[in-house]
Amino acid sequence: MKGLIIKKHWLDLILSGQKPWEIRGSNTKVRGTICLIESGTGMIKGAVELMDVNQLNSKILPMFKRFHCIEDTNAVSYKHPYAWVMQSPIKLDKPIPYKHPQGAVVWVNLPDDILEGVKG
């Protein structure tokens, strides 16, 4: 299973259901259930279904603010921004610790059964 590393502010918005799009500077082929990791904590805080990825441009980014929650879209520095479309967020009652591999910045490979028996 894959774990996506996200800063706390954005992670909280995703897990609350307010932010179904994560804006990134690259595409991904990953789809399905992924874990959400709070950056710098070594903890898995939840999970979502990563459904799709859509390339955007800076001109249309402001029109979709309700999906990505970025107030100042001029601050998005990606040459080619992508919306990673997520649904069905699950916030874990108790975060799950994991061992962070050296050099991991976006994705972490996790055991396939990491969420077994966990309640959201």
PDB file of N, CA and C in Angstrom:
ATOM      1  N   MET A   1       0.851  -1.175   0.000  1.00  0.00           N
ATOM      2  CA  MET A   1       0.000   0.000   0.000  1.00  0.00           C
ATOM      3  C   MET A   1       0.895   1.236   0.000  1.00  0.00           C
ATOM      4  N   LYS A   2       0.415   2.287  -0.639  1.00  0.00           N
ATOM      5  CA  LYS A   2       1.163   3.545  -0.705  1.00  0.00           C
ATOM      6  C   LYS A   2       0.671   4.496   0.381  1.00  0.00           C
ATOM      7  N   GLY A   3       1.596   5.288   0.889  1.00  0.00           N
ATOM      8  CA  GLY A   3       1.273   6.352   1.825  1.00  0.00           C
ATOM      9  C   GLY A   3       1.712   7.674   1.232  1.00  0.00           C
ATOM     10  N   LEU A   4       0.827   8.651   1.210  1.00  0.00           N
ATOM     11  CA  LEU A   4       1.116   9.973   0.668  1.00  0.00           C
ATOM     12  C   LEU A   4       1.432  10.922   1.822  1.00  0.00           C
ATOM     13  N   ILE A   5       2.556  11.602   1.716  1.00  0.00           N
ATOM     14  CA  ILE A   5       2.993  12.536   2.754  1.00  0.00           C
ATOM     15  C   ILE A   5       2.389  13.907   2.463  1.00  0.00           C
ATOM     16  N   ILE A   6       1.692  14.465   3.461  1.00  0.00           N
ATOM     17  CA  ILE A   6       0.997  15.741   3.299  1.00  0.00           C
ATOM     18  C   ILE A   6       1.190  16.588   4.558  1.00  0.00           C
ATOM     19  N   LYS A   7       1.367  17.893   4.371  1.00  0.00           N
ATOM     20  CA  LYS A   7       1.484  18.809   5.505  1.00  0.00           C
ATOM     21  C   LYS A   7       0.161  18.862   6.272  1.00  0.00           C
ATOM     22  N   LYS A   8       0.275  19.085   7.584  1.00  0.00           N
ATOM     23  CA  LYS A   8      -0.863  19.005   8.498  1.00  0.00           C
ATOM     24  C   LYS A   8      -2.077  19.821   8.052  1.00  0.00           C
ATOM     25  N   HIS A   9      -1.891  21.063   7.681  1.00  0.00           N
ATOM     26  CA  HIS A   9      -3.021  21.921   7.300  1.00  0.00           C
ATOM     27  C   HIS A   9      -3.857  21.281   6.195  1.00  0.00           C
ATOM     28  N   TRP A  10      -3.191  20.813   5.142  1.00  0.00           N
ATOM     29  CA  TRP A  10      -3.895  20.218   4.002  1.00  0.00           C
ATOM     30  C   TRP A  10      -4.477  18.866   4.366  1.00  0.00           C
ATOM     31  N   LEU A  11      -3.743  18.106   5.148  1.00  0.00           N
ATOM     32  CA  LEU A  11      -4.214  16.791   5.582  1.00  0.00           C
ATOM     33  C   LEU A  11      -5.510  16.907   6.382  1.00  0.00           C
ATOM     34  N   ASP A  12      -5.558  17.860   7.298  1.00  0.00           N
ATOM     35  CA  ASP A  12      -6.768  18.057   8.107  1.00  0.00           C
ATOM     36  C   ASP A  12      -7.973  18.394   7.223  1.00  0.00           C
ATOM     37  N   LEU A  13      -7.753  19.226   6.205  1.00  0.00           N
ATOM     38  CA  LEU A  13      -8.843  19.584   5.293  1.00  0.00           C
ATOM     39  C   LEU A  13      -9.310  18.376   4.472  1.00  0.00           C
ATOM     40  N   ILE A  14      -8.362  17.552   4.044  1.00  0.00           N
ATOM     41  CA  ILE A  14      -8.713  16.344   3.283  1.00  0.00           C
ATOM     42  C   ILE A  14      -9.529  15.390   4.155  1.00  0.00           C
ATOM     43  N   LEU A  15      -9.036  15.129   5.355  1.00  0.00           N
ATOM     44  CA  LEU A  15      -9.708  14.166   6.233  1.00  0.00           C
ATOM     45  C   LEU A  15     -11.079  14.651   6.709  1.00  0.00           C
ATOM     46  N   SER A  16     -11.285  15.964   6.724  1.00  0.00           N
ATOM     47  CA  SER A  16     -12.593  16.499   7.114  1.00  0.00           C
ATOM     48  C   SER A  16     -13.584  16.481   5.952  1.00  0.00           C
ATOM     49  N   GLY A  17     -13.104  16.148   4.752  1.00  0.00           N
ATOM     50  CA  GLY A  17     -13.969  16.110   3.579  1.00  0.00           C
ATOM     51  C   GLY A  17     -14.095  17.443   2.860  1.00  0.00           C
ATOM     52  N   GLN A  18     -13.406  18.473   3.331  1.00  0.00           N
ATOM     53  CA  GLN A  18     -13.493  19.802   2.722  1.00  0.00           C
ATOM     54  C   GLN A  18     -12.613  19.964   1.492  1.00  0.00           C
ATOM     55  N   LYS A  19     -11.612  19.115   1.344  1.00  0.00           N
ATOM     56  CA  LYS A  19     -10.621  19.262   0.275  1.00  0.00           C
ATOM     57  C   LYS A  19     -10.472  17.951  -0.496  1.00  0.00           C
ATOM     58  N   PRO A  20     -11.273  17.754  -1.547  1.00  0.00           N
ATOM     59  CA  PRO A  20     -11.169  16.508  -2.303  1.00  0.00           C
ATOM     60  C   PRO A  20     -10.059  16.494  -3.352  1.00  0.00           C
ATOM     61  N   TRP A  21      -9.401  17.628  -3.575  1.00  0.00           N
ATOM     62  CA  TRP A  21      -8.292  17.678  -4.531  1.00  0.00           C
ATOM     63  C   TRP A  21      -7.005  18.033  -3.812  1.00  0.00           C
ATOM     64  N   GLU A  22      -5.973  17.262  -4.041  1.00  0.00           N
ATOM     65  CA  GLU A  22      -4.619  17.587  -3.596  1.00  0.00           C
ATOM     66  C   GLU A  22      -3.871  18.070  -4.833  1.00  0.00           C
ATOM     67  N   ILE A  23      -3.343  19.287  -4.790  1.00  0.00           N
ATOM     68  CA  ILE A  23      -2.630  19.843  -5.932  1.00  0.00           C
ATOM     69  C   ILE A  23      -1.157  19.472  -5.820  1.00  0.00           C
ATOM     70  N   ARG A  24      -0.666  18.855  -6.869  1.00  0.00           N
ATOM     71  CA  ARG A  24       0.736  18.422  -6.931  1.00  0.00           C
ATOM     72  C   ARG A  24       1.349  18.866  -8.249  1.00  0.00           C
ATOM     73  N   GLY A  25       2.655  18.807  -8.330  1.00  0.00           N
ATOM     74  CA  GLY A  25       3.379  19.249  -9.517  1.00  0.00           C
ATOM     75  C   GLY A  25       3.662  18.148 -10.510  1.00  0.00           C
ATOM     76  N   SER A  26       3.112  16.974 -10.259  1.00  0.00           N
ATOM     77  CA  SER A  26       3.331  15.860 -11.181  1.00  0.00           C
ATOM     78  C   SER A  26       2.120  14.943 -11.189  1.00  0.00           C
ATOM     79  N   ASN A  27       2.073  14.119 -12.197  1.00  0.00           N
ATOM     80  CA  ASN A  27       1.041  13.109 -12.341  1.00  0.00           C
ATOM     81  C   ASN A  27       1.399  11.910 -11.465  1.00  0.00           C
ATOM     82  N   THR A  28       0.466  11.032 -11.230  1.00  0.00           N
ATOM     83  CA  THR A  28       0.737   9.748 -10.600  1.00  0.00           C
ATOM     84  C   THR A  28      -0.174   8.701 -11.224  1.00  0.00           C
ATOM     85  N   LYS A  29       0.327   7.487 -11.299  1.00  0.00           N
ATOM     86  CA  LYS A  29      -0.475   6.375 -11.811  1.00  0.00           C
ATOM     87  C   LYS A  29      -1.136   5.604 -10.683  1.00  0.00           C
ATOM     88  N   VAL A  30      -0.824   5.972  -9.444  1.00  0.00           N
ATOM     89  CA  VAL A  30      -1.399   5.303  -8.285  1.00  0.00           C
ATOM     90  C   VAL A  30      -2.899   5.580  -8.235  1.00  0.00           C
ATOM     91  N   ARG A  31      -3.674   4.534  -7.996  1.00  0.00           N
ATOM     92  CA  ARG A  31      -5.118   4.651  -7.824  1.00  0.00           C
ATOM     93  C   ARG A  31      -5.540   3.686  -6.719  1.00  0.00           C
ATOM     94  N   GLY A  32      -6.689   3.949  -6.142  1.00  0.00           N
ATOM     95  CA  GLY A  32      -7.215   3.077  -5.101  1.00  0.00           C
ATOM     96  C   GLY A  32      -6.959   3.637  -3.710  1.00  0.00           C
ATOM     97  N   THR A  33      -7.084   2.785  -2.713  1.00  0.00           N
ATOM     98  CA  THR A  33      -6.916   3.204  -1.326  1.00  0.00           C
ATOM     99  C   THR A  33      -5.454   3.524  -1.049  1.00  0.00           C
ATOM    100  N   ILE A  34      -5.224   4.703  -0.482  1.00  0.00           N
ATOM    101  CA  ILE A  34      -3.888   5.112  -0.050  1.00  0.00           C
ATOM    102  C   ILE A  34      -3.981   5.616   1.383  1.00  0.00           C
ATOM    103  N   CYS A  35      -2.888   5.488   2.105  1.00  0.00           N
ATOM    104  CA  CYS A  35      -2.802   6.056   3.449  1.00  0.00           C
ATOM    105  C   CYS A  35      -2.364   7.503   3.340  1.00  0.00           C
ATOM    106  N   LEU A  36      -2.774   8.298   4.315  1.00  0.00           N
ATOM    107  CA  LEU A  36      -2.366   9.694   4.393  1.00  0.00           C
ATOM    108  C   LEU A  36      -1.479   9.874   5.612  1.00  0.00           C
ATOM    109  N   ILE A  37      -0.283  10.383   5.363  1.00  0.00           N
ATOM    110  CA  ILE A  37       0.742  10.539   6.385  1.00  0.00           C
ATOM    111  C   ILE A  37       0.936  12.023   6.666  1.00  0.00           C
ATOM    112  N   GLU A  38       0.917  12.388   7.950  1.00  0.00           N
ATOM    113  CA  GLU A  38       1.192  13.773   8.309  1.00  0.00           C
ATOM    114  C   GLU A  38       2.702  14.006   8.268  1.00  0.00           C
ATOM    115  N   SER A  39       3.106  14.937   7.436  1.00  0.00           N
ATOM    116  CA  SER A  39       4.511  15.250   7.230  1.00  0.00           C
ATOM    117  C   SER A  39       5.227  15.523   8.556  1.00  0.00           C
ATOM    118  N   GLY A  40       6.378  14.890   8.727  1.00  0.00           N
ATOM    119  CA  GLY A  40       7.224  15.130   9.885  1.00  0.00           C
ATOM    120  C   GLY A  40       6.839  14.427  11.159  1.00  0.00           C
ATOM    121  N   THR A  41       5.779  13.615  11.147  1.00  0.00           N
ATOM    122  CA  THR A  41       5.315  12.987  12.389  1.00  0.00           C
ATOM    123  C   THR A  41       5.597  11.494  12.484  1.00  0.00           C
ATOM    124  N   GLY A  42       5.803  10.836  11.350  1.00  0.00           N
ATOM    125  CA  GLY A  42       5.955   9.391  11.360  1.00  0.00           C
ATOM    126  C   GLY A  42       4.645   8.675  11.652  1.00  0.00           C
ATOM    127  N   MET A  43       3.514   9.360  11.384  1.00  0.00           N
ATOM    128  CA  MET A  43       2.209   8.792  11.708  1.00  0.00           C
ATOM    129  C   MET A  43       1.268   8.812  10.509  1.00  0.00           C
ATOM    130  N   ILE A  44       0.576   7.680  10.329  1.00  0.00           N
ATOM    131  CA  ILE A  44      -0.497   7.592   9.346  1.00  0.00           C
ATOM    132  C   ILE A  44      -1.752   8.103  10.047  1.00  0.00           C
ATOM    133  N   LYS A  45      -2.397   9.104   9.464  1.00  0.00           N
ATOM    134  CA  LYS A  45      -3.549   9.735  10.108  1.00  0.00           C
ATOM    135  C   LYS A  45      -4.879   9.339   9.493  1.00  0.00           C
ATOM    136  N   GLY A  46      -4.837   8.760   8.272  1.00  0.00           N
ATOM    137  CA  GLY A  46      -6.088   8.386   7.639  1.00  0.00           C
ATOM    138  C   GLY A  46      -5.863   7.720   6.299  1.00  0.00           C
ATOM    139  N   ALA A  47      -6.936   7.634   5.538  1.00  0.00           N
ATOM    140  CA  ALA A  47      -6.872   7.007   4.218  1.00  0.00           C
ATOM    141  C   ALA A  47      -7.932   7.640   3.316  1.00  0.00           C
ATOM    142  N   VAL A  48      -7.722   7.524   2.018  1.00  0.00           N
ATOM    143  CA  VAL A  48      -8.688   7.989   1.011  1.00  0.00           C
ATOM    144  C   VAL A  48      -8.609   7.067  -0.188  1.00  0.00           C
ATOM    145  N   GLU A  49      -9.587   7.226  -1.065  1.00  0.00           N
ATOM    146  CA  GLU A  49      -9.540   6.586  -2.372  1.00  0.00           C
ATOM    147  C   GLU A  49      -9.005   7.623  -3.352  1.00  0.00           C
ATOM    148  N   LEU A  50      -7.857   7.337  -3.961  1.00  0.00           N
ATOM    149  CA  LEU A  50      -7.316   8.207  -5.010  1.00  0.00           C
ATOM    150  C   LEU A  50      -7.939   7.741  -6.316  1.00  0.00           C
ATOM    151  N   MET A  51      -8.843   8.566  -6.852  1.00  0.00           N
ATOM    152  CA  MET A  51      -9.686   8.158  -7.965  1.00  0.00           C
ATOM    153  C   MET A  51      -9.132   8.523  -9.333  1.00  0.00           C
ATOM    154  N   ASP A  52      -8.511   9.705  -9.438  1.00  0.00           N
ATOM    155  CA  ASP A  52      -8.127  10.210 -10.749  1.00  0.00           C
ATOM    156  C   ASP A  52      -7.106  11.324 -10.578  1.00  0.00           C
ATOM    157  N   VAL A  53      -6.486  11.705 -11.684  1.00  0.00           N
ATOM    158  CA  VAL A  53      -5.571  12.843 -11.723  1.00  0.00           C
ATOM    159  C   VAL A  53      -5.897  13.652 -12.967  1.00  0.00           C
ATOM    160  N   ASN A  54      -6.018  14.961 -12.789  1.00  0.00           N
ATOM    161  CA  ASN A  54      -6.323  15.853 -13.912  1.00  0.00           C
ATOM    162  C   ASN A  54      -5.307  16.980 -13.964  1.00  0.00           C
ATOM    163  N   GLN A  55      -4.727  17.196 -15.142  1.00  0.00           N
ATOM    164  CA  GLN A  55      -3.814  18.312 -15.293  1.00  0.00           C
ATOM    165  C   GLN A  55      -4.615  19.606 -15.388  1.00  0.00           C
ATOM    166  N   LEU A  56      -4.142  20.622 -14.687  1.00  0.00           N
ATOM    167  CA  LEU A  56      -4.794  21.924 -14.665  1.00  0.00           C
ATOM    168  C   LEU A  56      -3.840  22.964 -15.247  1.00  0.00           C
ATOM    169  N   ASN A  57      -4.300  24.207 -15.305  1.00  0.00           N
ATOM    170  CA  ASN A  57      -3.385  25.300 -15.621  1.00  0.00           C
ATOM    171  C   ASN A  57      -3.697  26.451 -14.679  1.00  0.00           C
ATOM    172  N   SER A  58      -2.765  27.385 -14.585  1.00  0.00           N
ATOM    173  CA  SER A  58      -2.893  28.462 -13.611  1.00  0.00           C
ATOM    174  C   SER A  58      -4.112  29.344 -13.861  1.00  0.00           C
ATOM    175  N   LYS A  59      -4.618  29.382 -15.082  1.00  0.00           N
ATOM    176  CA  LYS A  59      -5.785  30.219 -15.384  1.00  0.00           C
ATOM    177  C   LYS A  59      -7.078  29.645 -14.821  1.00  0.00           C
ATOM    178  N   ILE A  60      -7.199  28.330 -14.799  1.00  0.00           N
ATOM    179  CA  ILE A  60      -8.447  27.737 -14.298  1.00  0.00           C
ATOM    180  C   ILE A  60      -8.370  27.346 -12.819  1.00  0.00           C
ATOM    181  N   LEU A  61      -7.171  27.335 -12.258  1.00  0.00           N
ATOM    182  CA  LEU A  61      -7.006  26.948 -10.857  1.00  0.00           C
ATOM    183  C   LEU A  61      -7.918  27.747  -9.913  1.00  0.00           C
ATOM    184  N   PRO A  62      -8.047  29.087 -10.066  1.00  0.00           N
ATOM    185  CA  PRO A  62      -8.931  29.841  -9.159  1.00  0.00           C
ATOM    186  C   PRO A  62     -10.405  29.426  -9.233  1.00  0.00           C
ATOM    187  N   MET A  63     -10.839  28.913 -10.360  1.00  0.00           N
ATOM    188  CA  MET A  63     -12.245  28.516 -10.511  1.00  0.00           C
ATOM    189  C   MET A  63     -12.609  27.285  -9.679  1.00  0.00           C
ATOM    190  N   PHE A  64     -11.605  26.538  -9.233  1.00  0.00           N
ATOM    191  CA  PHE A  64     -11.852  25.298  -8.508  1.00  0.00           C
ATOM    192  C   PHE A  64     -11.405  25.363  -7.053  1.00  0.00           C
ATOM    193  N   LYS A  65     -11.367  26.576  -6.512  1.00  0.00           N
ATOM    194  CA  LYS A  65     -10.901  26.792  -5.136  1.00  0.00           C
ATOM    195  C   LYS A  65     -11.677  25.950  -4.124  1.00  0.00           C
ATOM    196  N   ARG A  66     -12.961  25.720  -4.376  1.00  0.00           N
ATOM    197  CA  ARG A  66     -13.769  24.949  -3.422  1.00  0.00           C
ATOM    198  C   ARG A  66     -13.319  23.490  -3.331  1.00  0.00           C
ATOM    199  N   PHE A  67     -12.570  23.023  -4.327  1.00  0.00           N
ATOM    200  CA  PHE A  67     -12.069  21.646  -4.313  1.00  0.00           C
ATOM    201  C   PHE A  67     -10.660  21.528  -3.729  1.00  0.00           C
ATOM    202  N   HIS A  68      -9.807  22.550  -3.946  1.00  0.00           N
ATOM    203  CA  HIS A  68      -8.419  22.448  -3.489  1.00  0.00           C
ATOM    204  C   HIS A  68      -8.101  23.320  -2.277  1.00  0.00           C
ATOM    205  N   CYS A  69      -8.983  24.289  -1.966  1.00  0.00           N
ATOM    206  CA  CYS A  69      -8.872  25.125  -0.761  1.00  0.00           C
ATOM    207  C   CYS A  69      -7.633  26.021  -0.712  1.00  0.00           C
ATOM    208  N   ILE A  70      -7.004  26.286  -1.835  1.00  0.00           N
ATOM    209  CA  ILE A  70      -5.837  27.170  -1.869  1.00  0.00           C
ATOM    210  C   ILE A  70      -6.347  28.592  -2.081  1.00  0.00           C
ATOM    211  N   GLU A  71      -6.180  29.425  -1.058  1.00  0.00           N
ATOM    212  CA  GLU A  71      -6.690  30.793  -1.134  1.00  0.00           C
ATOM    213  C   GLU A  71      -5.955  31.619  -2.189  1.00  0.00           C
ATOM    214  N   ASP A  72      -4.630  31.596  -2.145  1.00  0.00           N
ATOM    215  CA  ASP A  72      -3.835  32.376  -3.094  1.00  0.00           C
ATOM    216  C   ASP A  72      -3.285  31.443  -4.163  1.00  0.00           C
ATOM    217  N   THR A  73      -4.047  31.266  -5.229  1.00  0.00           N
ATOM    218  CA  THR A  73      -3.617  30.346  -6.280  1.00  0.00           C
ATOM    219  C   THR A  73      -2.390  30.864  -7.027  1.00  0.00           C
ATOM    220  N   ASN A  74      -2.065  32.148  -6.880  1.00  0.00           N
ATOM    221  CA  ASN A  74      -0.822  32.679  -7.473  1.00  0.00           C
ATOM    222  C   ASN A  74       0.412  32.092  -6.790  1.00  0.00           C
ATOM    223  N   ALA A  75       0.233  31.587  -5.582  1.00  0.00           N
ATOM    224  CA  ALA A  75       1.340  30.996  -4.843  1.00  0.00           C
ATOM    225  C   ALA A  75       1.674  29.576  -5.311  1.00  0.00           C
ATOM    226  N   VAL A  76       0.817  28.998  -6.140  1.00  0.00           N
ATOM    227  CA  VAL A  76       1.088  27.659  -6.679  1.00  0.00           C
ATOM    228  C   VAL A  76       2.187  27.798  -7.716  1.00  0.00           C
ATOM    229  N   SER A  77       3.343  27.231  -7.419  1.00  0.00           N
ATOM    230  CA  SER A  77       4.522  27.438  -8.265  1.00  0.00           C
ATOM    231  C   SER A  77       4.747  26.335  -9.298  1.00  0.00           C
ATOM    232  N   TYR A  78       3.886  25.339  -9.318  1.00  0.00           N
ATOM    233  CA  TYR A  78       4.066  24.244 -10.265  1.00  0.00           C
ATOM    234  C   TYR A  78       3.849  24.736 -11.693  1.00  0.00           C
ATOM    235  N   LYS A  79       4.757  24.364 -12.574  1.00  0.00           N
ATOM    236  CA  LYS A  79       4.608  24.726 -13.984  1.00  0.00           C
ATOM    237  C   LYS A  79       3.362  24.071 -14.572  1.00  0.00           C
ATOM    238  N   HIS A  80       3.158  22.810 -14.214  1.00  0.00           N
ATOM    239  CA  HIS A  80       1.987  22.051 -14.660  1.00  0.00           C
ATOM    240  C   HIS A  80       1.314  21.441 -13.429  1.00  0.00           C
ATOM    241  N   PRO A  81       0.362  22.168 -12.808  1.00  0.00           N
ATOM    242  CA  PRO A  81      -0.308  21.601 -11.631  1.00  0.00           C
ATOM    243  C   PRO A  81      -1.267  20.471 -12.001  1.00  0.00           C
ATOM    244  N   TYR A  82      -1.350  19.505 -11.101  1.00  0.00           N
ATOM    245  CA  TYR A  82      -2.254  18.366 -11.264  1.00  0.00           C
ATOM    246  C   TYR A  82      -3.167  18.291 -10.052  1.00  0.00           C
ATOM    247  N   ALA A  83      -4.430  17.997 -10.296  1.00  0.00           N
ATOM    248  CA  ALA A  83      -5.386  17.746  -9.218  1.00  0.00           C
ATOM    249  C   ALA A  83      -5.464  16.240  -9.004  1.00  0.00           C
ATOM    250  N   TRP A  84      -5.026  15.799  -7.826  1.00  0.00           N
ATOM    251  CA  TRP A  84      -5.171  14.403  -7.455  1.00  0.00           C
ATOM    252  C   TRP A  84      -6.543  14.299  -6.780  1.00  0.00           C
ATOM    253  N   VAL A  85      -7.484  13.650  -7.437  1.00  0.00           N
ATOM    254  CA  VAL A  85      -8.882  13.625  -7.017  1.00  0.00           C
ATOM    255  C   VAL A  85      -9.105  12.473  -6.039  1.00  0.00           C
ATOM    256  N   MET A  86      -9.582  12.840  -4.845  1.00  0.00           N
ATOM    257  CA  MET A  86      -9.767  11.862  -3.770  1.00  0.00           C
ATOM    258  C   MET A  86     -11.217  11.842  -3.309  1.00  0.00           C
ATOM    259  N   GLN A  87     -11.625  10.703  -2.764  1.00  0.00           N
ATOM    260  CA  GLN A  87     -12.957  10.611  -2.167  1.00  0.00           C
ATOM    261  C   GLN A  87     -12.919   9.635  -0.998  1.00  0.00           C
ATOM    262  N   SER A  88     -13.996   9.634  -0.230  1.00  0.00           N
ATOM    263  CA  SER A  88     -14.189   8.724   0.912  1.00  0.00           C
ATOM    264  C   SER A  88     -13.064   8.808   1.943  1.00  0.00           C
ATOM    265  N   PRO A  89     -12.767  10.018   2.460  1.00  0.00           N
ATOM    266  CA  PRO A  89     -11.713  10.111   3.477  1.00  0.00           C
ATOM    267  C   PRO A  89     -12.106   9.415   4.773  1.00  0.00           C
ATOM    268  N   ILE A  90     -11.131   8.782   5.386  1.00  0.00           N
ATOM    269  CA  ILE A  90     -11.314   8.118   6.677  1.00  0.00           C
ATOM    270  C   ILE A  90     -10.242   8.648   7.617  1.00  0.00           C
ATOM    271  N   LYS A  91     -10.679   9.299   8.682  1.00  0.00           N
ATOM    272  CA  LYS A  91      -9.743   9.762   9.708  1.00  0.00           C
ATOM    273  C   LYS A  91      -9.638   8.669  10.757  1.00  0.00           C
ATOM    274  N   LEU A  92      -8.431   8.235  11.038  1.00  0.00           N
ATOM    275  CA  LEU A  92      -8.231   7.166  12.011  1.00  0.00           C
ATOM    276  C   LEU A  92      -8.471   7.661  13.435  1.00  0.00           C
ATOM    277  N   ASP A  93      -9.117   6.831  14.250  1.00  0.00           N
ATOM    278  CA  ASP A  93      -9.317   7.157  15.658  1.00  0.00           C
ATOM    279  C   ASP A  93      -7.976   7.261  16.373  1.00  0.00           C
ATOM    280  N   LYS A  94      -7.065   6.383  15.989  1.00  0.00           N
ATOM    281  CA  LYS A  94      -5.735   6.368  16.597  1.00  0.00           C
ATOM    282  C   LYS A  94      -4.712   6.292  15.463  1.00  0.00           C
ATOM    283  N   PRO A  95      -3.834   7.304  15.330  1.00  0.00           N
ATOM    284  CA  PRO A  95      -2.820   7.267  14.265  1.00  0.00           C
ATOM    285  C   PRO A  95      -1.931   6.026  14.374  1.00  0.00           C
ATOM    286  N   ILE A  96      -1.449   5.588  13.217  1.00  0.00           N
ATOM    287  CA  ILE A  96      -0.601   4.401  13.143  1.00  0.00           C
ATOM    288  C   ILE A  96       0.843   4.847  12.865  1.00  0.00           C
ATOM    289  N   PRO A  97       1.782   4.473  13.740  1.00  0.00           N
ATOM    290  CA  PRO A  97       3.183   4.828  13.463  1.00  0.00           C
ATOM    291  C   PRO A  97       3.753   3.949  12.349  1.00  0.00           C
ATOM    292  N   TYR A  98       4.705   4.490  11.624  1.00  0.00           N
ATOM    293  CA  TYR A  98       5.404   3.728  10.586  1.00  0.00           C
ATOM    294  C   TYR A  98       6.856   4.188  10.590  1.00  0.00           C
ATOM    295  N   LYS A  99       7.716   3.397   9.985  1.00  0.00           N
ATOM    296  CA  LYS A  99       9.132   3.755   9.901  1.00  0.00           C
ATOM    297  C   LYS A  99       9.350   4.504   8.591  1.00  0.00           C
ATOM    298  N   HIS A 100       9.760   5.762   8.708  1.00  0.00           N
ATOM    299  CA  HIS A 100       9.944   6.605   7.527  1.00  0.00           C
ATOM    300  C   HIS A 100      11.288   6.308   6.867  1.00  0.00           C
ATOM    301  N   PRO A 101      11.256   5.874   5.603  1.00  0.00           N
ATOM    302  CA  PRO A 101      12.509   5.585   4.920  1.00  0.00           C
ATOM    303  C   PRO A 101      13.252   6.870   4.532  1.00  0.00           C
ATOM    304  N   GLN A 102      14.551   6.818   4.615  1.00  0.00           N
ATOM    305  CA  GLN A 102      15.366   7.969   4.254  1.00  0.00           C
ATOM    306  C   GLN A 102      15.107   8.362   2.801  1.00  0.00           C
ATOM    307  N   GLY A 103      14.908   9.644   2.564  1.00  0.00           N
ATOM    308  CA  GLY A 103      14.720  10.149   1.211  1.00  0.00           C
ATOM    309  C   GLY A 103      13.286  10.183   0.716  1.00  0.00           C
ATOM    310  N   ALA A 104      12.351   9.604   1.456  1.00  0.00           N
ATOM    311  CA  ALA A 104      10.952   9.619   1.020  1.00  0.00           C
ATOM    312  C   ALA A 104      10.385  11.023   1.187  1.00  0.00           C
ATOM    313  N   VAL A 105       9.830  11.576   0.100  1.00  0.00           N
ATOM    314  CA  VAL A 105       9.312  12.940   0.123  1.00  0.00           C
ATOM    315  C   VAL A 105       7.833  12.990  -0.230  1.00  0.00           C
ATOM    316  N   VAL A 106       7.418  12.191  -1.201  1.00  0.00           N
ATOM    317  CA  VAL A 106       6.019  12.194  -1.640  1.00  0.00           C
ATOM    318  C   VAL A 106       5.317  10.910  -1.208  1.00  0.00           C
ATOM    319  N   TRP A 107       5.879   9.768  -1.586  1.00  0.00           N
ATOM    320  CA  TRP A 107       5.277   8.464  -1.315  1.00  0.00           C
ATOM    321  C   TRP A 107       6.125   7.646  -0.357  1.00  0.00           C
ATOM    322  N   VAL A 108       5.454   6.806   0.423  1.00  0.00           N
ATOM    323  CA  VAL A 108       6.094   5.810   1.270  1.00  0.00           C
ATOM    324  C   VAL A 108       5.441   4.470   0.949  1.00  0.00           C
ATOM    325  N   ASN A 109       6.243   3.438   0.778  1.00  0.00           N
ATOM    326  CA  ASN A 109       5.705   2.084   0.606  1.00  0.00           C
ATOM    327  C   ASN A 109       5.418   1.502   1.981  1.00  0.00           C
ATOM    328  N   LEU A 110       4.188   1.055   2.166  1.00  0.00           N
ATOM    329  CA  LEU A 110       3.735   0.514   3.445  1.00  0.00           C
ATOM    330  C   LEU A 110       3.273  -0.927   3.253  1.00  0.00           C
ATOM    331  N   PRO A 111       3.218  -1.705   4.332  1.00  0.00           N
ATOM    332  CA  PRO A 111       2.679  -3.064   4.210  1.00  0.00           C
ATOM    333  C   PRO A 111       1.234  -3.022   3.715  1.00  0.00           C
ATOM    334  N   ASP A 112       0.867  -3.988   2.880  1.00  0.00           N
ATOM    335  CA  ASP A 112      -0.487  -4.028   2.316  1.00  0.00           C
ATOM    336  C   ASP A 112      -1.570  -4.130   3.394  1.00  0.00           C
ATOM    337  N   ASP A 113      -1.240  -4.725   4.526  1.00  0.00           N
ATOM    338  CA  ASP A 113      -2.243  -4.947   5.574  1.00  0.00           C
ATOM    339  C   ASP A 113      -2.203  -3.876   6.671  1.00  0.00           C
ATOM    340  N   ILE A 114      -1.576  -2.762   6.430  1.00  0.00           N
ATOM    341  CA  ILE A 114      -1.379  -1.726   7.464  1.00  0.00           C
ATOM    342  C   ILE A 114      -2.687  -1.220   8.059  1.00  0.00           C
ATOM    343  N   LEU A 115      -3.770  -1.250   7.302  1.00  0.00           N
ATOM    344  CA  LEU A 115      -5.058  -0.728   7.798  1.00  0.00           C
ATOM    345  C   LEU A 115      -6.007  -1.823   8.294  1.00  0.00           C
ATOM    346  N   GLU A 116      -5.576  -3.083   8.287  1.00  0.00           N
ATOM    347  CA  GLU A 116      -6.453  -4.171   8.733  1.00  0.00           C
ATOM    348  C   GLU A 116      -6.853  -3.998  10.200  1.00  0.00           C
ATOM    349  N   GLY A 117      -8.128  -4.106  10.448  1.00  0.00           N
ATOM    350  CA  GLY A 117      -8.625  -4.036  11.819  1.00  0.00           C
ATOM    351  C   GLY A 117      -8.674  -2.633  12.389  1.00  0.00           C
ATOM    352  N   VAL A 118      -8.422  -1.621  11.566  1.00  0.00           N
ATOM    353  CA  VAL A 118      -8.409  -0.234  12.048  1.00  0.00           C
ATOM    354  C   VAL A 118      -9.767   0.384  11.793  1.00  0.00           C
ATOM    355  N   LYS A 119     -10.233   1.152  12.767  1.00  0.00           N
ATOM    356  CA  LYS A 119     -11.496   1.872  12.638  1.00  0.00           C
ATOM    357  C   LYS A 119     -11.232   3.334  12.368  1.00  0.00           C
ATOM    358  N   GLY A 120     -12.054   3.913  11.490  1.00  0.00           N
ATOM    359  CA  GLY A 120     -11.949   5.342  11.213  1.00  0.00           C
ATOM    360  C   GLY A 120     -12.920   6.124  12.037  1.00  0.00           C
TER     361      GLY A 120
END
